[in-house]
C-alpha cells in the first residue's frame, strides 16, 4: 500500500469512527467530522460547478457561440444575493429557474404519475398472460381505487366509501412499510460496508500491514 493510499485509508477511518461516535451521544468528534465532510462537499461542488461553467458556457462563448452569454449572466446574477442592496436582482434568474422547472416537473408528473399509471393499471389486467399476472393486476387496480378514495375528503368516509378508504389505508401502510424496510436495508448495507472497510483496509491492511 503506497503512502497516498495509506493516508486516504487513515483519514477515511478517522471520519467513519468519528461519525459512528454519535452512538454514545453528541460529541466533539462527530461535530468535527460532520463539518469536514460538509466543507469538502461544498468545495467539491464549487469546483465542479466552475468546471461545467467553463466547459458549457465560457468555452462556447470564446468560440463565437454568444447565445451562452444569457445563462452565464443569469448564473452571475444569482450572486447578487451576497449584497443586500442588489439582492433583488437575483429574483429574476430564480423566478425563471423556478418557472421552467415547475413546467417541466408538472408535465413529467402528469405523464408518469397519472397517465402512465392509469395505462399500466388497465394493461396489467387486459394483457395478463398468467393467473399470477392477472391477480397482480387486480390487486393493483383495487389498491389504486381504494387509495384514491382514502384521499377523497369532500364526502364523509361512511358506507361504501368508508370501507374503500379503510382498505386503501391498509395499502398505504403496506407501501410505507416496504419503503421503510428498503431504506433500513440500504442503511444496514452502508454500515456493513463501512465496518468491512475498517476491519479489512484499516485494521488488517494499514495497522497490521496486510495486503
N, C-alpha and C. Protein backbone atom coordinates (compact mmCIF):
# COMPACT_ATOMS: atom_id res chain seq x y z
N UNK A 1 0.85 -1.19 0.00
CA UNK A 1 0.00 0.00 0.00
C UNK A 1 0.89 1.25 0.00
N UNK A 2 0.77 2.09 -1.03
CA UNK A 2 1.60 3.28 -1.15
C UNK A 2 1.15 4.32 -0.14
N UNK A 3 1.99 5.35 0.03
CA UNK A 3 1.75 6.34 1.07
C UNK A 3 0.44 7.09 0.84
N UNK A 4 0.09 7.36 -0.45
CA UNK A 4 -1.16 8.08 -0.72
C UNK A 4 -2.37 7.25 -0.29
N UNK A 5 -2.32 5.96 -0.55
CA UNK A 5 -3.41 5.09 -0.14
C UNK A 5 -3.49 4.98 1.37
N UNK A 6 -2.34 4.93 2.04
CA UNK A 6 -2.31 4.85 3.50
C UNK A 6 -2.94 6.08 4.14
N UNK A 7 -2.61 7.26 3.60
CA UNK A 7 -3.20 8.50 4.11
C UNK A 7 -4.70 8.50 3.89
N UNK A 8 -5.14 8.06 2.69
CA UNK A 8 -6.56 8.01 2.39
C UNK A 8 -7.32 7.07 3.32
N UNK A 9 -6.74 5.90 3.57
CA UNK A 9 -7.37 4.94 4.47
C UNK A 9 -7.43 5.49 5.89
N UNK A 10 -6.35 6.13 6.34
CA UNK A 10 -6.31 6.68 7.70
C UNK A 10 -7.35 7.78 7.89
N UNK A 11 -7.43 8.70 6.94
CA UNK A 11 -8.39 9.81 7.03
C UNK A 11 -9.82 9.26 6.99
N UNK A 12 -10.06 8.31 6.09
CA UNK A 12 -11.40 7.72 5.98
C UNK A 12 -11.79 7.02 7.27
N UNK A 13 -10.86 6.28 7.85
CA UNK A 13 -11.16 5.57 9.10
C UNK A 13 -11.47 6.54 10.23
N UNK A 14 -10.70 7.63 10.31
CA UNK A 14 -10.95 8.63 11.36
C UNK A 14 -12.34 9.25 11.21
N UNK A 15 -12.72 9.58 9.96
CA UNK A 15 -14.03 10.18 9.72
C UNK A 15 -15.16 9.19 10.02
N UNK A 16 -14.97 7.93 9.64
CA UNK A 16 -16.01 6.92 9.89
C UNK A 16 -16.21 6.70 11.38
N UNK A 17 -15.12 6.54 12.10
CA UNK A 17 -15.21 6.32 13.55
C UNK A 17 -15.82 7.55 14.23
N UNK A 18 -15.44 8.75 13.76
CA UNK A 18 -16.00 9.97 14.33
C UNK A 18 -17.49 10.06 14.11
N UNK A 19 -17.95 9.66 12.93
CA UNK A 19 -19.39 9.67 12.66
C UNK A 19 -20.11 8.62 13.50
N UNK A 20 -19.50 7.44 13.64
CA UNK A 20 -20.13 6.38 14.45
C UNK A 20 -20.13 6.71 15.94
N UNK A 21 -19.31 7.68 16.35
CA UNK A 21 -19.27 8.04 17.77
C UNK A 21 -20.58 8.68 18.23
N UNK A 22 -21.46 9.03 17.30
CA UNK A 22 -22.76 9.56 17.68
C UNK A 22 -23.57 8.53 18.47
N UNK A 23 -23.20 7.27 18.36
CA UNK A 23 -23.89 6.21 19.10
C UNK A 23 -23.84 6.47 20.61
N UNK A 24 -22.72 7.02 21.09
CA UNK A 24 -22.57 7.29 22.52
C UNK A 24 -23.06 8.68 22.89
N UNK A 25 -23.59 9.42 21.91
CA UNK A 25 -24.11 10.75 22.17
C UNK A 25 -23.38 11.81 21.37
N UNK A 26 -23.97 13.00 21.35
CA UNK A 26 -23.36 14.12 20.62
C UNK A 26 -22.02 14.47 21.26
N UNK A 27 -20.99 14.63 20.41
CA UNK A 27 -19.65 14.89 20.93
C UNK A 27 -18.85 15.70 19.93
N UNK A 28 -17.66 16.09 20.33
CA UNK A 28 -16.80 16.95 19.52
C UNK A 28 -16.39 16.26 18.22
N UNK A 29 -16.05 14.98 18.27
CA UNK A 29 -15.55 14.27 17.09
C UNK A 29 -16.63 14.16 16.02
N UNK A 30 -17.88 13.92 16.46
CA UNK A 30 -18.97 13.84 15.49
C UNK A 30 -19.18 15.20 14.82
N UNK A 31 -19.19 16.27 15.60
CA UNK A 31 -19.38 17.60 15.03
C UNK A 31 -18.23 17.96 14.10
N UNK A 32 -17.01 17.63 14.51
CA UNK A 32 -15.85 17.95 13.68
C UNK A 32 -15.90 17.22 12.34
N UNK A 33 -16.17 15.92 12.37
CA UNK A 33 -16.22 15.14 11.12
C UNK A 33 -17.36 15.60 10.23
N UNK A 34 -18.48 15.98 10.82
CA UNK A 34 -19.60 16.48 10.03
C UNK A 34 -19.22 17.76 9.30
N UNK A 35 -18.57 18.67 10.00
CA UNK A 35 -18.14 19.91 9.38
C UNK A 35 -17.11 19.67 8.27
N UNK A 36 -16.21 18.72 8.50
CA UNK A 36 -15.20 18.41 7.48
C UNK A 36 -15.86 17.87 6.21
N UNK A 37 -16.79 16.92 6.39
CA UNK A 37 -17.47 16.33 5.24
C UNK A 37 -18.28 17.37 4.48
N UNK A 38 -19.02 18.21 5.21
CA UNK A 38 -19.82 19.25 4.55
C UNK A 38 -18.92 20.25 3.84
N UNK A 39 -17.83 20.64 4.49
CA UNK A 39 -16.91 21.58 3.88
C UNK A 39 -16.31 21.06 2.59
N UNK A 40 -15.82 19.83 2.60
CA UNK A 40 -15.23 19.26 1.40
C UNK A 40 -16.29 19.03 0.32
N UNK A 41 -17.53 18.72 0.74
CA UNK A 41 -18.61 18.55 -0.25
C UNK A 41 -18.92 19.86 -0.95
N UNK A 42 -18.93 20.96 -0.19
CA UNK A 42 -19.17 22.28 -0.79
C UNK A 42 -18.05 22.64 -1.74
N UNK A 43 -16.81 22.40 -1.33
CA UNK A 43 -15.67 22.70 -2.20
C UNK A 43 -15.73 21.86 -3.47
N UNK A 44 -16.07 20.58 -3.32
CA UNK A 44 -16.17 19.68 -4.47
C UNK A 44 -17.24 20.18 -5.43
N UNK A 45 -18.40 20.57 -4.89
CA UNK A 45 -19.48 21.07 -5.74
C UNK A 45 -19.08 22.38 -6.42
N UNK A 46 -18.36 23.24 -5.71
CA UNK A 46 -17.92 24.52 -6.27
C UNK A 46 -16.94 24.30 -7.42
N UNK A 47 -15.99 23.40 -7.23
CA UNK A 47 -15.01 23.13 -8.29
C UNK A 47 -15.68 22.56 -9.52
N UNK A 48 -16.59 21.59 -9.32
CA UNK A 48 -17.29 21.02 -10.47
C UNK A 48 -18.19 22.04 -11.14
N UNK A 49 -18.79 22.92 -10.35
CA UNK A 49 -19.60 23.98 -10.94
C UNK A 49 -18.77 24.91 -11.82
N UNK A 50 -17.58 25.26 -11.36
CA UNK A 50 -16.67 26.09 -12.17
C UNK A 50 -16.24 25.36 -13.43
N UNK A 51 -16.01 24.04 -13.29
CA UNK A 51 -15.59 23.25 -14.45
C UNK A 51 -16.67 23.21 -15.52
N UNK A 52 -17.92 22.90 -15.10
CA UNK A 52 -19.01 22.81 -16.07
C UNK A 52 -19.35 24.17 -16.65
N UNK A 53 -19.22 25.24 -15.85
CA UNK A 53 -19.46 26.58 -16.37
C UNK A 53 -18.45 26.94 -17.44
N UNK A 54 -17.21 26.56 -17.19
CA UNK A 54 -16.17 26.84 -18.18
C UNK A 54 -16.37 26.01 -19.45
N UNK A 55 -16.78 24.75 -19.28
CA UNK A 55 -16.91 23.86 -20.43
C UNK A 55 -18.14 24.18 -21.28
N UNK A 56 -19.26 24.48 -20.64
CA UNK A 56 -20.50 24.64 -21.37
C UNK A 56 -20.94 26.09 -21.54
N UNK A 57 -20.18 27.04 -21.00
CA UNK A 57 -20.54 28.45 -21.18
C UNK A 57 -19.37 29.27 -21.70
N UNK A 58 -18.27 29.29 -20.97
CA UNK A 58 -17.16 30.17 -21.35
C UNK A 58 -16.49 29.71 -22.64
N UNK A 59 -16.19 28.40 -22.73
CA UNK A 59 -15.54 27.90 -23.95
C UNK A 59 -16.40 28.09 -25.20
N UNK A 60 -17.72 27.79 -25.16
CA UNK A 60 -18.54 28.07 -26.35
C UNK A 60 -18.59 29.56 -26.69
N UNK A 61 -18.60 30.44 -25.67
CA UNK A 61 -18.61 31.88 -25.94
C UNK A 61 -17.32 32.29 -26.63
N UNK A 62 -16.19 31.74 -26.18
CA UNK A 62 -14.91 32.06 -26.80
C UNK A 62 -14.85 31.58 -28.25
N UNK A 63 -15.66 30.57 -28.58
CA UNK A 63 -15.71 30.06 -29.95
C UNK A 63 -16.72 30.80 -30.82
N UNK A 64 -17.39 31.78 -30.24
CA UNK A 64 -18.34 32.57 -31.02
C UNK A 64 -19.79 32.25 -30.79
N UNK A 65 -20.09 31.29 -29.92
CA UNK A 65 -21.48 30.93 -29.63
C UNK A 65 -22.00 31.86 -28.52
N UNK A 66 -22.38 33.06 -28.92
CA UNK A 66 -22.72 34.10 -27.96
C UNK A 66 -24.02 33.84 -27.23
N UNK A 67 -24.83 32.89 -27.68
CA UNK A 67 -26.10 32.60 -27.02
C UNK A 67 -25.88 32.15 -25.58
N UNK A 68 -24.68 31.59 -25.29
CA UNK A 68 -24.38 31.10 -23.95
C UNK A 68 -24.11 32.22 -22.97
N UNK A 69 -24.07 33.47 -23.46
CA UNK A 69 -23.92 34.61 -22.55
C UNK A 69 -25.14 34.74 -21.64
N UNK A 70 -26.31 34.38 -22.17
CA UNK A 70 -27.55 34.52 -21.40
C UNK A 70 -27.55 33.66 -20.14
N UNK A 71 -27.34 32.32 -20.23
CA UNK A 71 -27.30 31.54 -18.98
C UNK A 71 -26.16 31.92 -18.07
N UNK A 72 -25.03 32.37 -18.66
CA UNK A 72 -23.90 32.79 -17.83
C UNK A 72 -24.26 34.03 -17.02
N UNK A 73 -24.91 34.99 -17.65
CA UNK A 73 -25.32 36.19 -16.94
C UNK A 73 -26.38 35.88 -15.88
N UNK A 74 -27.31 34.98 -16.21
CA UNK A 74 -28.33 34.59 -15.24
C UNK A 74 -27.69 33.94 -14.01
N UNK A 75 -26.67 33.11 -14.24
CA UNK A 75 -25.97 32.49 -13.13
C UNK A 75 -25.23 33.51 -12.28
N UNK A 76 -24.56 34.47 -12.94
CA UNK A 76 -23.84 35.51 -12.20
C UNK A 76 -24.80 36.41 -11.42
N UNK A 77 -26.01 36.61 -11.95
CA UNK A 77 -27.00 37.44 -11.26
C UNK A 77 -27.42 36.82 -9.93
N UNK A 78 -27.31 35.50 -9.81
CA UNK A 78 -27.67 34.84 -8.55
C UNK A 78 -26.76 35.28 -7.40
N UNK A 79 -25.51 35.66 -7.73
CA UNK A 79 -24.56 36.04 -6.70
C UNK A 79 -24.82 37.42 -6.13
N UNK A 80 -25.76 38.16 -6.72
CA UNK A 80 -26.09 39.47 -6.16
C UNK A 80 -26.77 39.35 -4.80
N UNK A 81 -27.18 38.15 -4.42
CA UNK A 81 -27.76 37.94 -3.09
C UNK A 81 -26.73 38.16 -1.99
N UNK A 82 -25.46 38.19 -2.36
CA UNK A 82 -24.42 38.44 -1.37
C UNK A 82 -24.40 39.90 -0.93
N UNK A 83 -25.03 40.79 -1.70
CA UNK A 83 -25.11 42.19 -1.35
C UNK A 83 -26.57 42.58 -1.15
N UNK A 84 -26.89 43.05 0.02
CA UNK A 84 -28.28 43.36 0.36
C UNK A 84 -28.86 44.41 -0.56
N UNK A 85 -28.07 45.37 -0.99
CA UNK A 85 -28.56 46.44 -1.85
C UNK A 85 -28.99 45.94 -3.21
N UNK A 86 -28.30 44.92 -3.73
CA UNK A 86 -28.59 44.40 -5.07
C UNK A 86 -29.22 43.01 -5.05
N UNK A 87 -29.66 42.57 -3.89
CA UNK A 87 -30.21 41.21 -3.79
C UNK A 87 -31.46 41.02 -4.64
N UNK A 88 -32.19 42.09 -4.92
CA UNK A 88 -33.42 41.98 -5.71
C UNK A 88 -33.15 41.48 -7.12
N UNK A 89 -31.93 41.69 -7.62
CA UNK A 89 -31.62 41.26 -8.99
C UNK A 89 -31.69 39.74 -9.10
N UNK A 90 -31.34 39.03 -8.03
CA UNK A 90 -31.33 37.57 -8.06
C UNK A 90 -32.72 36.97 -8.21
N UNK A 91 -33.76 37.78 -7.98
CA UNK A 91 -35.12 37.26 -8.09
C UNK A 91 -35.48 36.89 -9.53
N UNK A 92 -34.88 37.56 -10.49
CA UNK A 92 -35.21 37.30 -11.88
C UNK A 92 -34.70 35.93 -12.37
N UNK A 93 -33.41 35.62 -12.21
CA UNK A 93 -32.99 34.26 -12.61
C UNK A 93 -33.63 33.17 -11.76
N UNK A 94 -33.87 33.46 -10.47
CA UNK A 94 -34.51 32.47 -9.62
C UNK A 94 -35.94 32.21 -10.07
N UNK A 95 -36.67 33.28 -10.40
CA UNK A 95 -38.04 33.12 -10.89
C UNK A 95 -38.09 32.36 -12.21
N UNK A 96 -37.14 32.67 -13.11
CA UNK A 96 -37.08 31.96 -14.38
C UNK A 96 -36.79 30.48 -14.17
N UNK A 97 -35.85 30.19 -13.28
CA UNK A 97 -35.50 28.79 -13.00
C UNK A 97 -36.67 28.04 -12.39
N UNK A 98 -37.35 28.66 -11.43
CA UNK A 98 -38.49 28.01 -10.81
C UNK A 98 -39.62 27.81 -11.80
N UNK A 99 -39.86 28.79 -12.66
CA UNK A 99 -40.93 28.67 -13.64
C UNK A 99 -40.68 27.55 -14.63
N UNK A 100 -39.46 27.52 -15.18
CA UNK A 100 -39.12 26.46 -16.13
C UNK A 100 -39.13 25.10 -15.44
N UNK A 101 -38.55 25.04 -14.26
CA UNK A 101 -38.52 23.77 -13.53
C UNK A 101 -39.91 23.28 -13.18
N UNK A 102 -40.78 24.20 -12.76
CA UNK A 102 -42.15 23.81 -12.42
C UNK A 102 -42.88 23.29 -13.64
N UNK A 103 -42.69 23.95 -14.78
CA UNK A 103 -43.34 23.48 -16.01
C UNK A 103 -42.88 22.09 -16.42
N UNK A 104 -41.58 21.87 -16.33
CA UNK A 104 -41.04 20.55 -16.70
C UNK A 104 -41.54 19.47 -15.74
N UNK A 105 -41.55 19.79 -14.44
CA UNK A 105 -41.98 18.81 -13.44
C UNK A 105 -43.46 18.48 -13.60
N UNK A 106 -44.29 19.50 -13.83
CA UNK A 106 -45.73 19.27 -13.96
C UNK A 106 -46.01 18.34 -15.13
N UNK A 107 -45.39 18.61 -16.27
CA UNK A 107 -45.62 17.77 -17.46
C UNK A 107 -45.17 16.34 -17.21
N UNK A 108 -43.98 16.18 -16.63
CA UNK A 108 -43.47 14.83 -16.38
C UNK A 108 -44.28 14.12 -15.31
N UNK A 109 -44.74 14.85 -14.29
CA UNK A 109 -45.54 14.23 -13.23
C UNK A 109 -46.89 13.76 -13.75
N UNK A 110 -47.53 14.58 -14.58
CA UNK A 110 -48.82 14.19 -15.14
C UNK A 110 -48.66 12.94 -16.00
N UNK A 111 -47.59 12.90 -16.79
CA UNK A 111 -47.39 11.75 -17.66
C UNK A 111 -47.03 10.49 -16.88
N UNK A 112 -46.07 10.62 -15.94
CA UNK A 112 -45.57 9.42 -15.26
C UNK A 112 -46.44 8.99 -14.09
N UNK A 113 -46.96 9.96 -13.32
CA UNK A 113 -47.70 9.62 -12.11
C UNK A 113 -49.20 9.44 -12.32
N UNK A 114 -49.75 9.95 -13.43
CA UNK A 114 -51.18 9.84 -13.66
C UNK A 114 -51.48 9.02 -14.91
N UNK A 115 -51.06 9.54 -16.07
CA UNK A 115 -51.43 8.89 -17.32
C UNK A 115 -50.81 7.50 -17.45
N UNK A 116 -49.51 7.40 -17.18
CA UNK A 116 -48.84 6.10 -17.28
C UNK A 116 -49.37 5.12 -16.23
N UNK A 117 -49.70 5.64 -15.05
CA UNK A 117 -50.23 4.76 -14.01
C UNK A 117 -51.60 4.20 -14.40
N UNK A 118 -52.43 5.05 -14.99
CA UNK A 118 -53.75 4.58 -15.45
C UNK A 118 -53.58 3.55 -16.57
N UNK A 119 -52.69 3.84 -17.50
CA UNK A 119 -52.49 2.92 -18.62
C UNK A 119 -51.95 1.57 -18.14
N UNK A 120 -50.97 1.59 -17.23
CA UNK A 120 -50.39 0.35 -16.74
C UNK A 120 -51.39 -0.42 -15.88
N UNK A 121 -52.24 0.29 -15.14
CA UNK A 121 -53.25 -0.40 -14.32
C UNK A 121 -54.22 -1.17 -15.19
N UNK A 122 -54.56 -0.60 -16.34
CA UNK A 122 -55.50 -1.28 -17.25
C UNK A 122 -54.81 -2.39 -18.03
N UNK A 123 -53.62 -2.10 -18.56
CA UNK A 123 -52.93 -3.10 -19.38
C UNK A 123 -52.44 -4.29 -18.55
N UNK A 124 -52.22 -4.10 -17.24
CA UNK A 124 -51.80 -5.22 -16.39
C UNK A 124 -52.89 -6.28 -16.33
N UNK A 125 -54.15 -5.86 -16.47
CA UNK A 125 -55.26 -6.82 -16.44
C UNK A 125 -55.57 -7.35 -17.83
N UNK A 126 -55.69 -6.44 -18.80
CA UNK A 126 -56.05 -6.86 -20.16
C UNK A 126 -54.93 -7.65 -20.83
N UNK A 127 -53.69 -7.38 -20.45
CA UNK A 127 -52.56 -8.07 -21.09
C UNK A 127 -51.96 -9.17 -20.25
N UNK A 128 -52.67 -9.61 -19.21
CA UNK A 128 -52.14 -10.66 -18.33
C UNK A 128 -52.02 -11.98 -19.09
N UNK A 129 -50.88 -12.63 -18.95
CA UNK A 129 -50.62 -13.89 -19.64
C UNK A 129 -50.67 -15.08 -18.71
N UNK A 130 -50.87 -14.85 -17.42
CA UNK A 130 -50.94 -15.94 -16.46
C UNK A 130 -51.87 -15.54 -15.32
N UNK A 131 -52.25 -16.52 -14.53
CA UNK A 131 -53.13 -16.24 -13.39
C UNK A 131 -52.44 -15.36 -12.36
N UNK A 132 -51.12 -15.53 -12.20
CA UNK A 132 -50.38 -14.70 -11.26
C UNK A 132 -50.36 -13.24 -11.73
N UNK A 133 -50.14 -13.03 -13.03
CA UNK A 133 -50.14 -11.67 -13.57
C UNK A 133 -51.52 -11.04 -13.46
N UNK A 134 -52.57 -11.85 -13.67
CA UNK A 134 -53.93 -11.34 -13.55
C UNK A 134 -54.23 -10.94 -12.10
N UNK A 135 -53.83 -11.78 -11.15
CA UNK A 135 -54.03 -11.46 -9.74
C UNK A 135 -53.28 -10.20 -9.35
N UNK A 136 -52.06 -10.07 -9.85
CA UNK A 136 -51.28 -8.87 -9.57
C UNK A 136 -51.96 -7.63 -10.14
N UNK A 137 -52.49 -7.73 -11.36
CA UNK A 137 -53.19 -6.61 -11.96
C UNK A 137 -54.44 -6.22 -11.19
N UNK A 138 -55.18 -7.22 -10.71
CA UNK A 138 -56.40 -6.95 -9.93
C UNK A 138 -56.05 -6.26 -8.62
N UNK A 139 -54.99 -6.71 -7.96
CA UNK A 139 -54.56 -6.07 -6.71
C UNK A 139 -54.14 -4.63 -6.94
N UNK A 140 -53.44 -4.39 -8.03
CA UNK A 140 -53.03 -3.01 -8.36
C UNK A 140 -54.26 -2.14 -8.61
N UNK A 141 -55.24 -2.67 -9.31
CA UNK A 141 -56.47 -1.92 -9.58
C UNK A 141 -57.22 -1.62 -8.29
N UNK A 142 -57.36 -2.63 -7.43
CA UNK A 142 -58.05 -2.42 -6.15
C UNK A 142 -57.30 -1.40 -5.30
N UNK A 143 -55.98 -1.54 -5.25
CA UNK A 143 -55.19 -0.59 -4.46
C UNK A 143 -55.30 0.83 -4.99
N UNK A 144 -55.29 0.99 -6.31
CA UNK A 144 -55.39 2.34 -6.90
C UNK A 144 -56.72 2.99 -6.55
N UNK A 145 -57.81 2.22 -6.66
CA UNK A 145 -59.14 2.78 -6.39
C UNK A 145 -59.32 3.09 -4.90
N UNK A 146 -58.94 2.15 -4.05
CA UNK A 146 -59.17 2.35 -2.61
C UNK A 146 -58.27 3.45 -2.03
N UNK A 147 -57.03 3.53 -2.49
CA UNK A 147 -56.14 4.60 -2.02
C UNK A 147 -56.66 5.96 -2.48
N UNK A 148 -57.20 6.01 -3.69
CA UNK A 148 -57.79 7.27 -4.16
C UNK A 148 -58.96 7.70 -3.29
N UNK A 149 -59.80 6.75 -2.91
CA UNK A 149 -60.94 7.10 -2.05
C UNK A 149 -60.49 7.51 -0.65
N UNK A 150 -59.34 7.02 -0.21
CA UNK A 150 -58.84 7.42 1.10
C UNK A 150 -58.55 8.92 1.14
N UNK A 151 -58.10 9.48 0.01
CA UNK A 151 -57.80 10.91 -0.08
C UNK A 151 -58.98 11.70 -0.64
N UNK A 152 -60.15 11.11 -0.65
CA UNK A 152 -61.36 11.78 -1.13
C UNK A 152 -62.05 12.41 0.09
N UNK A 153 -61.78 13.71 0.31
CA UNK A 153 -62.21 14.37 1.54
C UNK A 153 -63.49 15.19 1.39
N UNK A 154 -64.08 15.23 0.21
CA UNK A 154 -65.29 16.04 0.03
C UNK A 154 -66.53 15.35 0.56
N UNK A 155 -66.41 14.06 0.88
CA UNK A 155 -67.53 13.33 1.49
C UNK A 155 -67.02 12.56 2.70
N UNK A 156 -67.91 12.38 3.66
CA UNK A 156 -67.53 11.66 4.87
C UNK A 156 -67.27 10.19 4.56
N UNK A 157 -66.26 9.64 5.21
CA UNK A 157 -65.87 8.25 4.97
C UNK A 157 -66.82 7.31 5.72
N UNK A 158 -68.01 7.16 5.16
CA UNK A 158 -69.00 6.23 5.72
C UNK A 158 -69.54 5.36 4.61
N UNK A 159 -70.12 4.22 4.99
CA UNK A 159 -70.70 3.33 3.99
C UNK A 159 -69.64 2.73 3.10
N UNK A 160 -69.96 2.66 1.80
CA UNK A 160 -69.06 2.05 0.83
C UNK A 160 -67.75 2.83 0.71
N UNK A 161 -67.82 4.17 0.74
CA UNK A 161 -66.61 4.98 0.67
C UNK A 161 -65.74 4.75 1.89
N UNK A 162 -66.36 4.61 3.05
CA UNK A 162 -65.60 4.36 4.27
C UNK A 162 -64.87 3.02 4.23
N UNK A 163 -65.55 1.99 3.74
CA UNK A 163 -64.91 0.68 3.62
C UNK A 163 -63.77 0.71 2.61
N UNK A 164 -64.00 1.40 1.49
CA UNK A 164 -62.96 1.52 0.48
C UNK A 164 -61.75 2.28 1.03
N UNK A 165 -62.01 3.38 1.76
CA UNK A 165 -60.92 4.15 2.35
C UNK A 165 -60.16 3.33 3.39
N UNK A 166 -60.86 2.47 4.12
CA UNK A 166 -60.20 1.62 5.11
C UNK A 166 -59.23 0.65 4.44
N UNK A 167 -59.69 0.06 3.32
CA UNK A 167 -58.80 -0.84 2.57
C UNK A 167 -57.64 -0.06 1.98
N UNK A 168 -57.94 1.16 1.50
CA UNK A 168 -56.87 2.00 0.96
C UNK A 168 -55.82 2.33 1.99
N UNK A 169 -56.26 2.56 3.24
CA UNK A 169 -55.30 2.83 4.30
C UNK A 169 -54.39 1.63 4.53
N UNK A 170 -54.93 0.43 4.40
CA UNK A 170 -54.10 -0.78 4.55
C UNK A 170 -53.05 -0.85 3.44
N UNK A 171 -53.45 -0.50 2.22
CA UNK A 171 -52.49 -0.48 1.11
C UNK A 171 -51.41 0.57 1.37
N UNK A 172 -51.80 1.74 1.87
CA UNK A 172 -50.83 2.80 2.14
C UNK A 172 -49.84 2.36 3.22
N UNK A 173 -50.35 1.76 4.29
CA UNK A 173 -49.48 1.29 5.36
C UNK A 173 -48.52 0.22 4.87
N UNK A 174 -49.02 -0.66 4.01
CA UNK A 174 -48.15 -1.71 3.45
C UNK A 174 -47.06 -1.11 2.59
N UNK A 175 -47.42 -0.11 1.78
CA UNK A 175 -46.43 0.55 0.92
C UNK A 175 -45.37 1.26 1.74
N UNK A 176 -45.81 1.98 2.78
CA UNK A 176 -44.85 2.68 3.65
C UNK A 176 -43.93 1.70 4.35
N UNK A 177 -44.48 0.55 4.77
CA UNK A 177 -43.65 -0.47 5.43
C UNK A 177 -42.58 -1.01 4.49
N UNK A 178 -42.95 -1.23 3.23
CA UNK A 178 -41.98 -1.74 2.26
C UNK A 178 -40.91 -0.69 1.99
N UNK A 179 -41.32 0.58 1.86
CA UNK A 179 -40.35 1.65 1.63
C UNK A 179 -39.39 1.78 2.82
N UNK A 180 -39.95 1.73 4.03
CA UNK A 180 -39.11 1.84 5.22
C UNK A 180 -38.14 0.67 5.31
N UNK A 181 -38.64 -0.53 5.00
CA UNK A 181 -37.76 -1.71 5.04
C UNK A 181 -36.63 -1.58 4.03
N UNK A 182 -36.95 -1.05 2.84
CA UNK A 182 -35.91 -0.85 1.83
C UNK A 182 -34.87 0.15 2.29
N UNK A 183 -35.31 1.26 2.90
CA UNK A 183 -34.37 2.25 3.42
C UNK A 183 -33.53 1.66 4.55
N UNK A 184 -34.15 0.85 5.39
CA UNK A 184 -33.43 0.24 6.51
C UNK A 184 -32.36 -0.72 6.00
N UNK A 185 -32.72 -1.54 5.01
CA UNK A 185 -31.75 -2.48 4.44
C UNK A 185 -30.61 -1.72 3.78
N UNK A 186 -30.94 -0.61 3.07
CA UNK A 186 -29.89 0.20 2.44
C UNK A 186 -28.94 0.76 3.49
N UNK A 187 -29.51 1.27 4.61
CA UNK A 187 -28.67 1.83 5.67
C UNK A 187 -27.79 0.75 6.30
N UNK A 188 -28.35 -0.44 6.50
CA UNK A 188 -27.57 -1.53 7.08
C UNK A 188 -26.45 -1.99 6.14
N UNK A 189 -26.75 -1.98 4.83
CA UNK A 189 -25.71 -2.36 3.86
C UNK A 189 -24.59 -1.32 3.84
N UNK A 190 -24.95 -0.04 3.98
CA UNK A 190 -23.92 1.00 4.05
C UNK A 190 -23.08 0.84 5.31
N UNK A 191 -23.72 0.55 6.44
CA UNK A 191 -22.99 0.33 7.68
C UNK A 191 -22.07 -0.87 7.58
N UNK A 192 -22.58 -1.95 6.97
CA UNK A 192 -21.75 -3.15 6.81
C UNK A 192 -20.54 -2.86 5.94
N UNK A 193 -20.74 -2.04 4.90
CA UNK A 193 -19.62 -1.69 4.03
C UNK A 193 -18.57 -0.88 4.77
N UNK A 194 -19.00 0.06 5.63
CA UNK A 194 -18.05 0.86 6.40
C UNK A 194 -17.31 0.02 7.43
N UNK A 195 -18.02 -0.88 8.09
CA UNK A 195 -17.36 -1.77 9.05
C UNK A 195 -16.37 -2.70 8.36
N UNK A 196 -16.74 -3.17 7.17
CA UNK A 196 -15.83 -4.02 6.41
C UNK A 196 -14.57 -3.23 6.03
N UNK A 197 -14.74 -1.96 5.68
CA UNK A 197 -13.58 -1.12 5.36
C UNK A 197 -12.67 -0.95 6.57
N UNK A 198 -13.28 -0.72 7.75
CA UNK A 198 -12.48 -0.54 8.95
C UNK A 198 -11.70 -1.80 9.30
N UNK A 199 -12.33 -2.96 9.15
CA UNK A 199 -11.67 -4.22 9.52
C UNK A 199 -10.64 -4.64 8.48
N UNK A 200 -11.03 -4.62 7.21
CA UNK A 200 -10.16 -5.14 6.16
C UNK A 200 -9.06 -4.16 5.78
N UNK A 201 -9.46 -2.91 5.44
CA UNK A 201 -8.47 -1.96 4.91
C UNK A 201 -7.69 -1.25 6.02
N UNK A 202 -8.41 -0.84 7.09
CA UNK A 202 -7.72 -0.07 8.13
C UNK A 202 -6.97 -0.99 9.11
N UNK A 203 -7.69 -1.97 9.70
CA UNK A 203 -7.05 -2.76 10.74
C UNK A 203 -6.04 -3.75 10.15
N UNK A 204 -6.52 -4.61 9.23
CA UNK A 204 -5.61 -5.62 8.66
C UNK A 204 -4.65 -5.01 7.61
N UNK A 205 -5.15 -4.06 6.82
CA UNK A 205 -4.33 -3.52 5.76
C UNK A 205 -3.32 -2.50 6.22
N UNK A 206 -3.78 -1.53 7.04
CA UNK A 206 -2.88 -0.43 7.46
C UNK A 206 -2.19 -0.73 8.79
N UNK A 207 -2.94 -1.14 9.81
CA UNK A 207 -2.35 -1.37 11.13
C UNK A 207 -1.45 -2.60 11.13
N UNK A 208 -1.96 -3.74 10.63
CA UNK A 208 -1.18 -4.98 10.63
C UNK A 208 -0.28 -5.12 9.41
N UNK A 209 -0.45 -4.23 8.43
CA UNK A 209 0.42 -4.25 7.25
C UNK A 209 0.13 -5.36 6.29
N UNK A 210 -1.13 -5.84 6.26
CA UNK A 210 -1.51 -6.88 5.31
C UNK A 210 -1.69 -6.32 3.92
N UNK A 211 -1.96 -7.20 2.93
CA UNK A 211 -2.11 -6.77 1.54
C UNK A 211 -3.53 -6.33 1.30
